[in-house]
Protein backbone atom coordinates (compact mmCIF):
# COMPACT_ATOMS: atom_id res chain seq x y z
CA UNK A 1 -29.94 -3.66 -0.85
CA UNK A 2 -28.10 -1.34 1.60
CA UNK A 3 -29.48 2.11 2.42
CA UNK A 4 -28.10 4.82 4.72
CA UNK A 5 -30.51 7.68 5.35
CA UNK A 6 -28.97 10.72 7.07
CA UNK A 7 -27.02 8.44 9.41
CA UNK A 8 -25.05 9.90 12.32
CA UNK A 9 -23.05 7.78 14.73
CA UNK A 10 -21.50 9.07 17.96
CA UNK A 11 -19.43 7.02 20.37
CA UNK A 12 -19.23 7.78 24.06
CA UNK A 13 -16.27 9.89 25.12
CA UNK A 14 -15.64 11.37 21.66
CA UNK A 15 -16.26 14.97 20.64
CA UNK A 16 -16.55 14.38 16.90
CA UNK A 17 -19.11 11.94 15.46
CA UNK A 18 -17.75 8.89 13.64
CA UNK A 19 -20.41 9.46 10.94
CA UNK A 20 -22.33 12.64 10.25
CA UNK A 21 -25.39 12.79 7.99
CA UNK A 22 -24.29 9.98 5.67
CA UNK A 23 -26.64 9.12 2.76
CA UNK A 24 -26.08 6.42 0.14
CA UNK A 25 -27.70 3.33 -1.36
CA UNK A 26 -26.02 0.20 -2.75
CA UNK A 27 -28.01 -1.73 -5.36
CA UNK A 28 -28.12 -5.51 -5.75
CA UNK A 29 -25.08 -6.90 -7.59
CA UNK A 30 -22.91 -3.76 -7.24
CA UNK A 31 -19.20 -3.75 -6.33
CA UNK A 32 -18.56 -0.64 -4.23
CA UNK A 33 -15.31 0.64 -2.74
CA UNK A 34 -15.50 2.54 0.55
CA UNK A 35 -12.40 4.73 0.76
CA UNK A 36 -10.97 7.36 3.05
CA UNK A 37 -8.19 7.93 5.57
CA UNK A 38 -8.03 6.03 8.86
CA UNK A 39 -10.73 7.37 11.16
CA UNK A 40 -12.92 8.59 8.30
CA UNK A 41 -15.80 6.26 9.23
CA UNK A 42 -15.39 3.24 6.93
CA UNK A 43 -15.38 0.62 9.69
CA UNK A 44 -18.32 2.31 11.39
CA UNK A 45 -20.36 1.88 8.21
CA UNK A 46 -19.60 -1.84 8.11
CA UNK A 47 -20.42 -2.26 11.79
CA UNK A 48 -23.78 -0.59 11.27
CA UNK A 49 -24.57 -2.88 8.32
CA UNK A 50 -23.74 -5.94 10.44
CA UNK A 51 -25.86 -4.56 13.28
CA UNK A 52 -22.83 -4.61 15.56
CA UNK A 53 -23.64 -0.96 16.25
CA UNK A 54 -26.81 1.12 15.97
CA UNK A 55 -26.97 4.66 14.53
CA UNK A 56 -27.32 7.58 16.91
CA UNK A 57 -29.75 9.10 14.45
CA UNK A 58 -30.94 8.31 10.95
CA UNK A 59 -31.87 4.97 9.44
CA UNK A 60 -29.92 1.95 8.18
CA UNK A 61 -31.82 -0.58 6.07
CA UNK A 62 -30.33 -3.84 4.75
CA UNK A 63 -32.17 -6.28 2.50
CA UNK A 64 -35.30 -4.18 2.88
CA UNK A 65 -35.33 -4.25 6.66
CA UNK A 66 -34.79 -1.36 9.08
CA UNK A 67 -32.09 -2.72 11.38
CA UNK A 68 -33.59 -0.96 14.39
CA UNK A 69 -36.65 -3.16 14.04
CA UNK A 70 -34.65 -6.41 14.39
CA UNK A 71 -34.67 -7.84 17.90
CA UNK A 72 -31.27 -8.66 19.40
CA UNK A 73 -32.06 -12.38 19.53
CA UNK A 74 -32.75 -12.38 15.80
CA UNK A 75 -29.55 -10.58 14.76
CA UNK A 76 -27.60 -13.87 14.22
CA UNK A 77 -30.29 -15.03 11.80
CA UNK A 78 -30.10 -11.71 9.96
CA UNK A 79 -26.32 -12.02 9.58
CA UNK A 80 -26.65 -15.31 7.73
CA UNK A 81 -27.40 -13.25 4.61
CA UNK A 82 -24.12 -11.33 4.95
CA UNK A 83 -20.61 -12.72 4.51
CA UNK A 84 -17.72 -10.90 6.21
CA UNK A 85 -14.01 -10.87 5.32
CA UNK A 86 -11.50 -9.16 7.60
CA UNK A 87 -7.86 -8.11 7.41
CA UNK A 88 -6.75 -10.57 10.14
CA UNK A 89 -8.47 -13.69 8.69
CA UNK A 90 -10.00 -14.77 12.06
CA UNK A 91 -9.62 -18.50 11.44
CA UNK A 92 -9.93 -21.12 14.18
CA UNK A 93 -6.30 -22.32 14.60
CA UNK A 94 -7.16 -25.84 15.86
CA UNK A 95 -9.57 -26.63 12.99
CA UNK A 96 -8.69 -27.72 9.47
CA UNK A 97 -9.54 -25.74 6.35
CA UNK A 98 -12.65 -27.89 5.82
CA UNK A 99 -13.74 -27.51 9.46
CA UNK A 100 -13.25 -23.73 9.43
CA UNK A 101 -15.53 -23.35 6.43
CA UNK A 102 -18.06 -25.92 7.65
CA UNK A 103 -18.29 -24.28 11.08
CA UNK A 104 -20.32 -21.40 9.64
CA UNK A 105 -22.95 -23.83 8.39
CA UNK A 106 -22.91 -25.95 11.52
CA UNK A 107 -23.81 -23.04 13.83
CA UNK A 108 -26.76 -22.18 11.58
CA UNK A 109 -28.09 -25.74 11.80
CA UNK A 110 -27.43 -26.76 8.19
CA UNK A 111 -27.84 -30.43 7.36
CA UNK A 112 -24.83 -32.71 6.99
CA UNK A 113 -25.71 -33.32 3.35
CA UNK A 114 -25.75 -29.61 2.56
CA UNK A 115 -22.42 -29.09 4.36
CA UNK A 116 -20.79 -31.94 2.44
CA UNK A 117 -21.90 -30.35 -0.81
CA UNK A 118 -21.42 -26.64 -0.07
CA UNK A 119 -17.96 -26.71 1.56
CA UNK A 120 -16.10 -28.40 -1.36
CA UNK A 121 -17.86 -26.03 -3.78
CA UNK A 122 -16.73 -22.99 -1.82
CA UNK A 123 -13.15 -24.27 -1.51
CA UNK A 124 -13.04 -25.00 -5.25
CA UNK A 125 -14.24 -21.48 -6.01
CA UNK A 126 -11.40 -19.93 -4.00
CA UNK A 127 -8.79 -22.35 -5.40
CA UNK A 128 -8.17 -24.49 -2.32
CA UNK A 129 -9.29 -27.91 -3.55
CA UNK A 130 -6.99 -30.57 -2.11
CA UNK A 131 -6.08 -28.57 1.00
CA UNK A 132 -9.13 -29.44 3.08
CA UNK A 133 -7.09 -31.19 5.80
CA UNK A 134 -4.50 -28.44 6.26
CA UNK A 135 -4.40 -26.38 9.46
CA UNK A 136 -4.22 -22.55 9.21
CA UNK A 137 -0.55 -22.41 10.27
CA UNK A 138 0.31 -24.69 7.33
CA UNK A 139 -1.03 -22.13 4.83
CA UNK A 140 0.38 -18.93 3.41
CA UNK A 141 -1.27 -15.60 4.22
CA UNK A 142 -3.03 -15.55 0.86
CA UNK A 143 -4.34 -19.08 1.37
CA UNK A 144 -5.62 -18.19 4.83
CA UNK A 145 -7.50 -15.24 3.36
CA UNK A 146 -8.99 -17.56 0.73
CA UNK A 147 -10.26 -19.80 3.53
CA UNK A 148 -11.83 -16.73 5.15
CA UNK A 149 -13.52 -15.83 1.86
CA UNK A 150 -14.77 -19.40 1.41
CA UNK A 151 -16.20 -19.25 4.91
CA UNK A 152 -17.91 -15.95 4.07
CA UNK A 153 -19.58 -17.26 0.90
CA UNK A 154 -20.32 -20.88 1.83
CA UNK A 155 -23.77 -19.89 3.09
CA UNK A 156 -24.41 -18.22 -0.28
CA UNK A 157 -25.00 -14.73 1.16
CA UNK A 158 -26.50 -11.89 -0.81
CA UNK A 159 -23.90 -9.41 0.47
CA UNK A 160 -20.16 -9.71 1.17
CA UNK A 161 -18.51 -7.06 3.36
CA UNK A 162 -14.71 -6.88 3.06
CA UNK A 163 -12.77 -4.78 5.57
CA UNK A 164 -9.21 -4.23 4.25
CA UNK A 165 -9.01 -7.86 2.99
CA UNK A 166 -5.58 -7.30 1.38
CA UNK A 167 -4.04 -5.33 4.26
CA UNK A 168 -1.78 -8.18 5.46
CA UNK A 169 -0.88 -9.58 2.05
CA UNK A 170 1.95 -9.04 -0.43
CA UNK A 171 1.11 -7.25 -3.70
CA UNK A 172 0.92 -10.39 -5.86
CA UNK A 173 -1.37 -12.20 -3.44
CA UNK A 174 -3.49 -9.07 -3.07
CA UNK A 175 -4.16 -9.10 -6.81
CA UNK A 176 -5.36 -12.72 -6.57
CA UNK A 177 -7.75 -11.84 -3.73
CA UNK A 178 -9.16 -8.88 -5.65
CA UNK A 179 -9.73 -11.05 -8.72
CA UNK A 180 -11.50 -13.61 -6.51
CA UNK A 181 -13.81 -10.94 -5.06
CA UNK A 182 -14.54 -9.71 -8.59
CA UNK A 183 -15.54 -13.26 -9.64
CA UNK A 184 -17.82 -13.56 -6.60
CA UNK A 185 -19.43 -10.25 -7.56
CA UNK A 186 -19.85 -11.43 -11.16
CA UNK A 187 -21.95 -14.28 -9.78
CA UNK A 188 -24.50 -11.77 -8.48
CA UNK A 189 -23.25 -11.16 -4.93
CA UNK A 190 -23.14 -7.55 -3.77
CA UNK A 191 -19.64 -6.59 -2.54
CA UNK A 192 -18.86 -3.58 -0.32
CA UNK A 193 -15.15 -3.24 0.35
CA UNK A 194 -13.37 -0.78 2.65
CA UNK A 195 -9.79 -0.29 1.48
CA UNK A 196 -6.68 1.89 1.35
CA UNK A 197 -5.40 0.15 -1.80
CA UNK A 198 -5.49 3.09 -4.21
CA UNK A 199 -4.01 1.09 -7.11
CA UNK A 200 -6.82 -1.49 -7.09
CA UNK A 201 -9.51 1.16 -6.89
CA UNK A 202 -7.97 3.04 -9.83
CA UNK A 203 -7.61 -0.09 -11.97
CA UNK A 204 -11.02 -1.63 -11.37
CA UNK A 205 -13.01 1.58 -11.96
CA UNK A 206 -16.02 0.59 -9.88
CA UNK A 207 -18.27 2.78 -7.79
CA UNK A 208 -16.41 4.72 -5.08
CA UNK A 209 -17.88 6.22 -1.91
CA UNK A 210 -15.37 8.46 -0.13
CA UNK A 211 -15.60 9.45 3.53
CA UNK A 212 -13.69 12.25 5.23
CA UNK A 213 -13.97 12.92 8.95
CA UNK A 214 -17.24 11.04 9.08
CA UNK A 215 -18.86 12.86 6.17
CA UNK A 216 -19.49 11.50 2.69
CA UNK A 217 -17.63 13.75 0.27
CA UNK A 218 -17.92 11.73 -2.95
CA UNK A 219 -20.12 9.07 -4.55
CA UNK A 220 -18.77 8.36 -8.02
CA UNK A 221 -19.54 5.56 -10.46
CA UNK A 222 -16.45 4.30 -12.31
CA UNK A 223 -14.18 6.50 -10.21
CA UNK A 224 -10.66 6.18 -8.86
CA UNK A 225 -9.28 6.37 -5.36
CA UNK A 226 -8.96 10.15 -5.47
CA UNK A 227 -6.77 12.07 -3.04
CA UNK A 228 -3.78 9.94 -1.96
CA UNK A 229 -2.12 12.62 0.17
CA UNK A 230 -3.08 10.70 3.32
CA UNK A 231 -1.55 7.45 2.06
CA UNK A 232 1.86 7.01 3.77
CA UNK A 233 4.87 7.13 1.46
CA UNK A 234 8.57 6.48 2.03
CA UNK A 235 10.81 9.33 0.91
CA UNK A 236 14.62 9.02 0.68
CA UNK A 237 16.48 11.19 3.17
CA UNK A 238 18.61 13.89 1.55
CA UNK A 239 22.37 13.67 2.30
CA UNK A 240 23.80 17.01 3.32
CA UNK A 241 26.87 18.11 1.37
CA UNK A 242 26.42 15.40 -1.29
CA UNK A 243 27.13 17.77 -4.19
CA UNK A 244 30.38 19.08 -2.71
CA UNK A 245 31.55 15.58 -1.81
CA UNK A 246 30.88 14.30 -5.34
CA UNK A 247 32.79 17.23 -6.86
CA UNK A 248 35.81 16.61 -4.60
CA UNK A 249 35.83 12.91 -5.51
CA UNK A 250 35.78 13.83 -9.21
CA UNK A 251 38.82 16.10 -8.82
CA UNK A 252 40.70 13.40 -6.96
CA UNK A 253 39.97 10.92 -9.77
CA UNK A 254 41.44 13.35 -12.33
CA UNK A 255 44.55 13.68 -10.16
CA UNK A 256 44.93 9.91 -9.95
CA UNK A 257 44.69 9.51 -13.74
CA UNK A 258 47.22 12.30 -14.31
CA UNK A 259 49.79 10.74 -11.99
CA UNK A 260 49.28 7.36 -13.70
CA UNK A 261 49.94 8.97 -17.09
CA UNK A 262 53.22 10.51 -15.86
CA UNK A 263 54.41 7.21 -14.45
CA UNK A 264 53.65 5.22 -17.64
CA UNK A 265 52.84 7.50 -20.63
CA UNK A 266 52.70 4.61 -23.14
CA UNK A 267 49.80 2.87 -21.46
CA UNK A 268 47.89 5.89 -20.30
CA UNK A 269 44.24 5.97 -21.38
CA UNK A 270 42.42 9.10 -22.25
CA UNK A 271 41.34 10.58 -18.92
CA UNK A 272 37.61 10.35 -18.52
CA UNK A 273 35.74 12.33 -15.90
CA UNK A 274 32.46 10.87 -14.78
CA UNK A 275 29.75 13.49 -14.66
CA UNK A 276 27.81 12.82 -11.51
CA UNK A 277 24.40 14.42 -11.27
CA UNK A 278 25.24 15.64 -7.79
CA UNK A 279 28.54 17.18 -8.96
CA UNK A 280 26.83 19.33 -11.56
CA UNK A 281 25.11 21.19 -8.79
CA UNK A 282 28.54 22.54 -7.77
CA UNK A 283 30.66 22.71 -10.99
CA UNK A 284 34.42 22.32 -10.67
CA UNK A 285 36.93 23.56 -13.28
CA UNK A 286 39.98 21.31 -13.55
CA UNK A 287 42.70 21.72 -16.21
CA UNK A 288 43.19 18.43 -18.02
CA UNK A 289 44.72 17.09 -21.23
CA UNK A 290 42.56 15.33 -23.80
CA UNK A 291 45.22 12.67 -24.56
CA UNK A 292 48.56 11.91 -23.00
CA UNK A 293 51.00 10.31 -25.51
CA UNK A 294 54.78 9.96 -25.58
CA UNK A 295 56.61 12.32 -27.95
CA UNK A 296 59.57 11.46 -30.21
CA UNK A 297 61.47 14.54 -29.01
CA UNK A 298 60.60 14.92 -25.38
CA UNK A 299 57.97 14.11 -22.82
CA UNK A 300 55.36 16.86 -22.66
CA UNK A 301 55.50 19.07 -19.63
CA UNK A 302 52.87 18.17 -17.08
CA UNK A 303 51.93 19.77 -13.81
CA UNK A 304 49.90 17.39 -11.72
CA UNK A 305 47.30 18.77 -9.38
CA UNK A 306 48.28 18.30 -5.77
CA UNK A 307 45.33 17.37 -3.56
CA UNK A 308 45.94 16.65 0.11
CA UNK A 309 44.50 13.47 1.57
CA UNK A 310 41.16 14.29 3.13
CA UNK A 311 39.00 12.06 5.31
CA UNK A 312 35.50 12.92 4.07
CA UNK A 313 33.91 11.42 7.16
CA UNK A 314 35.71 14.01 9.34
CA UNK A 315 34.71 17.04 7.28
CA UNK A 316 32.35 19.45 8.98
CA UNK A 317 29.11 20.51 7.34
CA UNK A 318 30.61 23.81 6.16
CA UNK A 319 33.69 22.07 4.71
CA UNK A 320 31.57 19.47 2.85
CA UNK A 321 29.47 22.23 1.38
CA UNK A 322 32.59 24.13 0.31
CA UNK A 323 31.84 27.24 2.36
CA UNK A 324 34.80 29.47 3.29
CA UNK A 325 33.90 31.87 6.09
CA UNK A 326 37.15 33.73 5.71
CA UNK A 327 36.52 35.11 2.20
CA UNK A 328 33.05 36.09 1.00
CA UNK A 329 34.18 36.26 -2.63
CA UNK A 330 35.02 32.56 -2.99
CA UNK A 331 32.24 30.10 -2.34
CA UNK A 332 32.13 26.57 -3.73
CA UNK A 333 33.59 23.11 -3.43
CA UNK A 334 36.93 24.11 -5.03
CA UNK A 335 37.50 27.41 -3.23
């Protein structure tokens, strides 16, 4: 169906080849994920399959034909057997949903009868029945991608190429698009999808071809995404002095409860100190009473802790960390 034989692709003005000695073959009816970091060569593979680019060396064969043997004027006819889905939808903004899908058939010279039959079938398959007269701006992102998929399959191609088809979609909509592509594949269409969506690759357990710096490093049936170290992640920024600040706030809370107990012993609750995870990193020892109750003879002697008012926002880094440069023996938030 698709065969790469020792394919190398170099672009002018670049030192490193986009693809280097790539070999793989995709059989009819397979669903294959093409994974790898940005710049690994995924898009170059798809461009070679569509005959948008030609290999510098090696051989690319699609549907049994060496693409180098296809004359430029016949390339549009060759592409009728391949449906393409892109990240940015590429819909015609002034045409309705029906017209966008029908346009693919019109440029290939399909009859009006075939168009009137094929377009509703394609829209029904992608779940857009009843929205034929909508314009693209009247649709959600997921619906626009469904129109793009309907356009890709309306000509009943043997191969569907998907280049990051869920890249501009929210997670829920992305799941719907992946399920739609899986249904299309179940109907016998070969699907080759370039993606960064590690979760989908792991869940679907299809064949995975991994590229790294233009070289094929893995071809695994039923595999997962693999190394996700190149997938961007958001990490929370650590707050300097957080442990010392939490410990100081805990001591001040104990002081407040003690003063309240002295002012009104009858209604004083048992002092409770919240154990903050950050405070445990810098433990603070504070004398406290388990229960404060009035006595028949005399009020128990209490010695409240005196803590000066401190503006935490004005503390320096050393103060917030509890570091005392004047005495090396005492280090900590309560020194």
